[in-house]
Amino acid sequence: MSAPEELRALVREVIRDVLPLGLPMTETVNLSTDEDLAAFVQRLLDLDPDQREELRSGRKRFRLPGNSSAAPTTPGPVAAVNGAERAGDSTPVRRIERGAVTEAVIKAAARSGQRLVLGRAAVLTPLAADRARASGVPIEKER
């Protein structure tokens, strides 16, 4: 396959991956009592396979009222896995110190609900940046 054909194939793959999915949806849920929690869990158990896949892929997310961590930050590079968390933020963090941050890294972060922090030597590929925006994966670049 020639270089232009390979490029076209990659673009088609990205379009198939991103466009049909649209932007992630975030639903606010109130879980202030044990009954609220039980009802929410029952609702999750009753989801059909398509709705479950939306949850697994990160297209469907939930947040608690008043939780501002759902707003994505500007995409930036990330580094080696690290359990550190920002003060007041319970989002798991994946730290990437160096190397290329690819679309596959973004997909994995979206599935696990991680926030990425990129070190100075980490580089975010353009396709990964697009995937991060579409998936709602927050990325921070250290300076």
C-alpha atoms as a PDB file:
ATOM      1  CA  MET A   1       0.000   0.000   0.000  1.00  0.00           C
ATOM      2  CA  SER A   2       1.358   3.466  -0.886  1.00  0.00           C
ATOM      3  CA  ALA A   3       1.767   6.241   1.682  1.00  0.00           C
ATOM      4  CA  PRO A   4      -1.338   8.197   0.522  1.00  0.00           C
ATOM      5  CA  GLU A   5      -3.443   5.018   0.625  1.00  0.00           C
ATOM      6  CA  GLU A   6      -2.210   4.223   4.132  1.00  0.00           C
ATOM      7  CA  LEU A   7      -3.021   7.752   5.228  1.00  0.00           C
ATOM      8  CA  ARG A   8      -6.523   7.508   3.775  1.00  0.00           C
ATOM      9  CA  ALA A   9      -7.055   4.183   5.545  1.00  0.00           C
ATOM     10  CA  LEU A  10      -5.981   5.728   8.857  1.00  0.00           C
ATOM     11  CA  VAL A  11      -8.288   8.725   8.354  1.00  0.00           C
ATOM     12  CA  ARG A  12     -11.210   6.397   7.550  1.00  0.00           C
ATOM     13  CA  GLU A  13     -10.491   4.431  10.728  1.00  0.00           C
ATOM     14  CA  VAL A  14     -10.450   7.578  12.846  1.00  0.00           C
ATOM     15  CA  ILE A  15     -13.681   8.809  11.299  1.00  0.00           C
ATOM     16  CA  ARG A  16     -15.359   5.451  11.985  1.00  0.00           C
ATOM     17  CA  ASP A  17     -14.057   5.523  15.578  1.00  0.00           C
ATOM     18  CA  VAL A  18     -14.930   9.107  16.439  1.00  0.00           C
ATOM     19  CA  LEU A  19     -17.847  10.446  14.405  1.00  0.00           C
ATOM     20  CA  PRO A  20     -20.513   7.836  15.165  1.00  0.00           C
ATOM     21  CA  LEU A  21     -19.809   8.170  18.881  1.00  0.00           C
ATOM     22  CA  GLY A  22     -20.312  11.899  19.251  1.00  0.00           C
ATOM     23  CA  LEU A  23     -19.325  13.661  22.444  1.00  0.00           C
ATOM     24  CA  PRO A  24     -19.428  11.998  25.856  1.00  0.00           C
ATOM     25  CA  MET A  25     -22.586  12.530  27.910  1.00  0.00           C
ATOM     26  CA  THR A  26     -22.403  13.300  31.612  1.00  0.00           C
ATOM     27  CA  GLU A  27     -25.418  12.787  33.825  1.00  0.00           C
ATOM     28  CA  THR A  28     -25.675  14.233  37.312  1.00  0.00           C
ATOM     29  CA  VAL A  29     -26.920  11.740  39.895  1.00  0.00           C
ATOM     30  CA  ASN A  30     -27.929  12.415  43.476  1.00  0.00           C
ATOM     31  CA  LEU A  31     -26.762   9.642  45.795  1.00  0.00           C
ATOM     32  CA  SER A  32     -27.446  11.128  49.202  1.00  0.00           C
ATOM     33  CA  THR A  33     -29.127   8.073  50.763  1.00  0.00           C
ATOM     34  CA  ASP A  34     -28.714   4.305  50.732  1.00  0.00           C
ATOM     35  CA  GLU A  35     -31.992   4.078  48.824  1.00  0.00           C
ATOM     36  CA  ASP A  36     -30.673   6.443  46.126  1.00  0.00           C
ATOM     37  CA  LEU A  37     -27.577   4.287  45.771  1.00  0.00           C
ATOM     38  CA  ALA A  38     -29.620   1.060  45.586  1.00  0.00           C
ATOM     39  CA  ALA A  39     -31.897   2.549  42.908  1.00  0.00           C
ATOM     40  CA  PHE A  40     -28.890   3.747  40.892  1.00  0.00           C
ATOM     41  CA  VAL A  41     -27.193   0.344  41.039  1.00  0.00           C
ATOM     42  CA  GLN A  42     -30.430  -1.355  39.980  1.00  0.00           C
ATOM     43  CA  ARG A  43     -30.696   1.063  37.062  1.00  0.00           C
ATOM     44  CA  LEU A  44     -27.154   0.140  35.974  1.00  0.00           C
ATOM     45  CA  LEU A  45     -27.921  -3.559  36.223  1.00  0.00           C
ATOM     46  CA  ASP A  46     -30.949  -3.085  33.954  1.00  0.00           C
ATOM     47  CA  LEU A  47     -29.003  -1.423  31.118  1.00  0.00           C
ATOM     48  CA  ASP A  48     -29.113  -3.026  27.685  1.00  0.00           C
ATOM     49  CA  PRO A  49     -25.809  -4.115  26.028  1.00  0.00           C
ATOM     50  CA  ASP A  50     -25.482  -0.902  23.965  1.00  0.00           C
ATOM     51  CA  GLN A  51     -25.888   1.273  27.049  1.00  0.00           C
ATOM     52  CA  ARG A  52     -23.353  -0.840  28.948  1.00  0.00           C
ATOM     53  CA  GLU A  53     -20.845  -0.360  26.134  1.00  0.00           C
ATOM     54  CA  GLU A  54     -21.367   3.423  26.355  1.00  0.00           C
ATOM     55  CA  LEU A  55     -20.397   3.186  30.037  1.00  0.00           C
ATOM     56  CA  ARG A  56     -17.357   0.991  29.337  1.00  0.00           C
ATOM     57  CA  SER A  57     -16.105   3.263  26.550  1.00  0.00           C
ATOM     58  CA  GLY A  58     -16.484   6.417  28.635  1.00  0.00           C
ATOM     59  CA  ARG A  59     -19.179   7.928  26.390  1.00  0.00           C
ATOM     60  CA  LYS A  60     -21.642   7.858  29.273  1.00  0.00           C
ATOM     61  CA  ARG A  61     -20.439   9.250  32.583  1.00  0.00           C
ATOM     62  CA  PHE A  62     -21.965  10.168  35.897  1.00  0.00           C
ATOM     63  CA  ARG A  63     -21.137  12.923  38.337  1.00  0.00           C
ATOM     64  CA  LEU A  64     -22.421  14.052  41.696  1.00  0.00           C
ATOM     65  CA  PRO A  65     -24.124  17.457  42.071  1.00  0.00           C
ATOM     66  CA  GLY A  66     -21.617  20.249  42.644  1.00  0.00           C
ATOM     67  CA  ASN A  67     -18.690  18.141  41.405  1.00  0.00           C
ATOM     68  CA  SER A  68     -16.686  20.372  39.065  1.00  0.00           C
ATOM     69  CA  SER A  69     -14.108  17.729  38.091  1.00  0.00           C
ATOM     70  CA  ALA A  70     -16.260  16.653  35.124  1.00  0.00           C
ATOM     71  CA  ALA A  71     -15.138  19.660  33.071  1.00  0.00           C
ATOM     72  CA  PRO A  72     -12.305  18.600  30.759  1.00  0.00           C
ATOM     73  CA  THR A  73      -9.052  20.522  30.810  1.00  0.00           C
ATOM     74  CA  THR A  74      -6.965  21.435  27.812  1.00  0.00           C
ATOM     75  CA  PRO A  75      -5.285  18.379  26.310  1.00  0.00           C
ATOM     76  CA  GLY A  76      -1.584  18.050  27.014  1.00  0.00           C
ATOM     77  CA  PRO A  77       1.100  15.311  27.325  1.00  0.00           C
ATOM     78  CA  VAL A  78       1.232  12.713  30.143  1.00  0.00           C
ATOM     79  CA  ALA A  79       3.760  10.186  31.580  1.00  0.00           C
ATOM     80  CA  ALA A  80       4.271   7.005  33.667  1.00  0.00           C
ATOM     81  CA  VAL A  81       1.346   5.627  35.637  1.00  0.00           C
ATOM     82  CA  ASN A  82       1.054   7.207  39.039  1.00  0.00           C
ATOM     83  CA  GLY A  83      -1.695   7.040  41.663  1.00  0.00           C
ATOM     84  CA  ALA A  84      -1.297  10.702  42.604  1.00  0.00           C
ATOM     85  CA  GLU A  85      -4.392  12.843  42.731  1.00  0.00           C
ATOM     86  CA  ARG A  86      -4.917  16.572  42.692  1.00  0.00           C
ATOM     87  CA  ALA A  87      -6.094  17.951  46.039  1.00  0.00           C
ATOM     88  CA  GLY A  88      -9.879  17.677  46.161  1.00  0.00           C
ATOM     89  CA  ASP A  89     -10.038  15.694  42.906  1.00  0.00           C
ATOM     90  CA  SER A  90     -10.734  11.963  43.091  1.00  0.00           C
ATOM     91  CA  THR A  91     -10.052  11.342  39.380  1.00  0.00           C
ATOM     92  CA  PRO A  92      -7.284   8.737  38.975  1.00  0.00           C
ATOM     93  CA  VAL A  93      -4.141  10.193  37.414  1.00  0.00           C
ATOM     94  CA  ARG A  94      -1.876   8.616  34.842  1.00  0.00           C
ATOM     95  CA  ARG A  95       1.464  10.367  34.602  1.00  0.00           C
ATOM     96  CA  ILE A  96       3.572  10.127  31.432  1.00  0.00           C
ATOM     97  CA  GLU A  97       7.076  11.554  31.736  1.00  0.00           C
ATOM     98  CA  ARG A  98       8.407  11.055  28.203  1.00  0.00           C
ATOM     99  CA  GLY A  99       7.639   9.644  24.803  1.00  0.00           C
ATOM    100  CA  ALA A 100       4.655   9.843  22.503  1.00  0.00           C
ATOM    101  CA  VAL A 101       1.147   9.821  23.941  1.00  0.00           C
ATOM    102  CA  THR A 102      -0.923   8.021  21.310  1.00  0.00           C
ATOM    103  CA  GLU A 103      -4.584   7.469  20.618  1.00  0.00           C
ATOM    104  CA  ALA A 104      -4.338   4.038  22.287  1.00  0.00           C
ATOM    105  CA  VAL A 105      -3.182   5.694  25.532  1.00  0.00           C
ATOM    106  CA  ILE A 106      -6.167   8.069  25.363  1.00  0.00           C
ATOM    107  CA  LYS A 107      -8.607   5.188  24.749  1.00  0.00           C
ATOM    108  CA  ALA A 108      -7.257   3.358  27.792  1.00  0.00           C
ATOM    109  CA  ALA A 109      -7.503   6.509  29.920  1.00  0.00           C
ATOM    110  CA  ALA A 110     -11.103   7.063  28.792  1.00  0.00           C
ATOM    111  CA  ARG A 111     -12.046   3.469  29.670  1.00  0.00           C
ATOM    112  CA  SER A 112     -10.562   3.768  33.149  1.00  0.00           C
ATOM    113  CA  GLY A 113     -11.718   7.342  33.781  1.00  0.00           C
ATOM    114  CA  GLN A 114      -8.170   8.652  34.191  1.00  0.00           C
ATOM    115  CA  ARG A 115      -6.812  12.173  33.942  1.00  0.00           C
ATOM    116  CA  LEU A 116      -3.451  12.448  32.159  1.00  0.00           C
ATOM    117  CA  VAL A 117      -0.513  14.547  33.324  1.00  0.00           C
ATOM    118  CA  LEU A 118       2.300  14.905  30.799  1.00  0.00           C
ATOM    119  CA  GLY A 119       5.899  15.578  31.738  1.00  0.00           C
ATOM    120  CA  ARG A 120       8.140  17.986  29.865  1.00  0.00           C
ATOM    121  CA  ALA A 121       9.521  15.244  27.604  1.00  0.00           C
ATOM    122  CA  ALA A 122       6.111  13.784  26.674  1.00  0.00           C
ATOM    123  CA  VAL A 123       4.548  14.585  23.302  1.00  0.00           C
ATOM    124  CA  LEU A 124       0.837  14.366  22.501  1.00  0.00           C
ATOM    125  CA  THR A 125       0.109  13.235  18.932  1.00  0.00           C
ATOM    126  CA  PRO A 126      -2.536  15.194  16.992  1.00  0.00           C
ATOM    127  CA  LEU A 127      -4.826  12.152  16.731  1.00  0.00           C
ATOM    128  CA  ALA A 128      -4.465  11.567  20.470  1.00  0.00           C
ATOM    129  CA  ALA A 129      -5.408  15.210  21.152  1.00  0.00           C
ATOM    130  CA  ASP A 130      -8.517  14.820  18.980  1.00  0.00           C
ATOM    131  CA  ARG A 131      -9.439  11.562  20.728  1.00  0.00           C
ATOM    132  CA  ALA A 132      -8.950  13.203  24.141  1.00  0.00           C
ATOM    133  CA  ARG A 133     -11.317  16.047  23.222  1.00  0.00           C
ATOM    134  CA  ALA A 134     -13.918  13.619  21.843  1.00  0.00           C
ATOM    135  CA  SER A 135     -13.627  11.285  24.839  1.00  0.00           C
ATOM    136  CA  GLY A 136     -13.501  14.001  27.482  1.00  0.00           C
ATOM    137  CA  VAL A 137     -10.132  12.861  28.834  1.00  0.00           C
ATOM    138  CA  PRO A 138      -8.545  15.760  30.744  1.00  0.00           C
ATOM    139  CA  ILE A 139      -4.865  16.297  29.959  1.00  0.00           C
ATOM    140  CA  GLU A 140      -2.403  18.630  31.656  1.00  0.00           C
ATOM    141  CA  LYS A 141       1.086  19.484  30.400  1.00  0.00           C
ATOM    142  CA  GLU A 142       3.735  20.250  32.995  1.00  0.00           C
ATOM    143  CA  ARG A 143       5.914  23.273  32.285  1.00  0.00           C
END
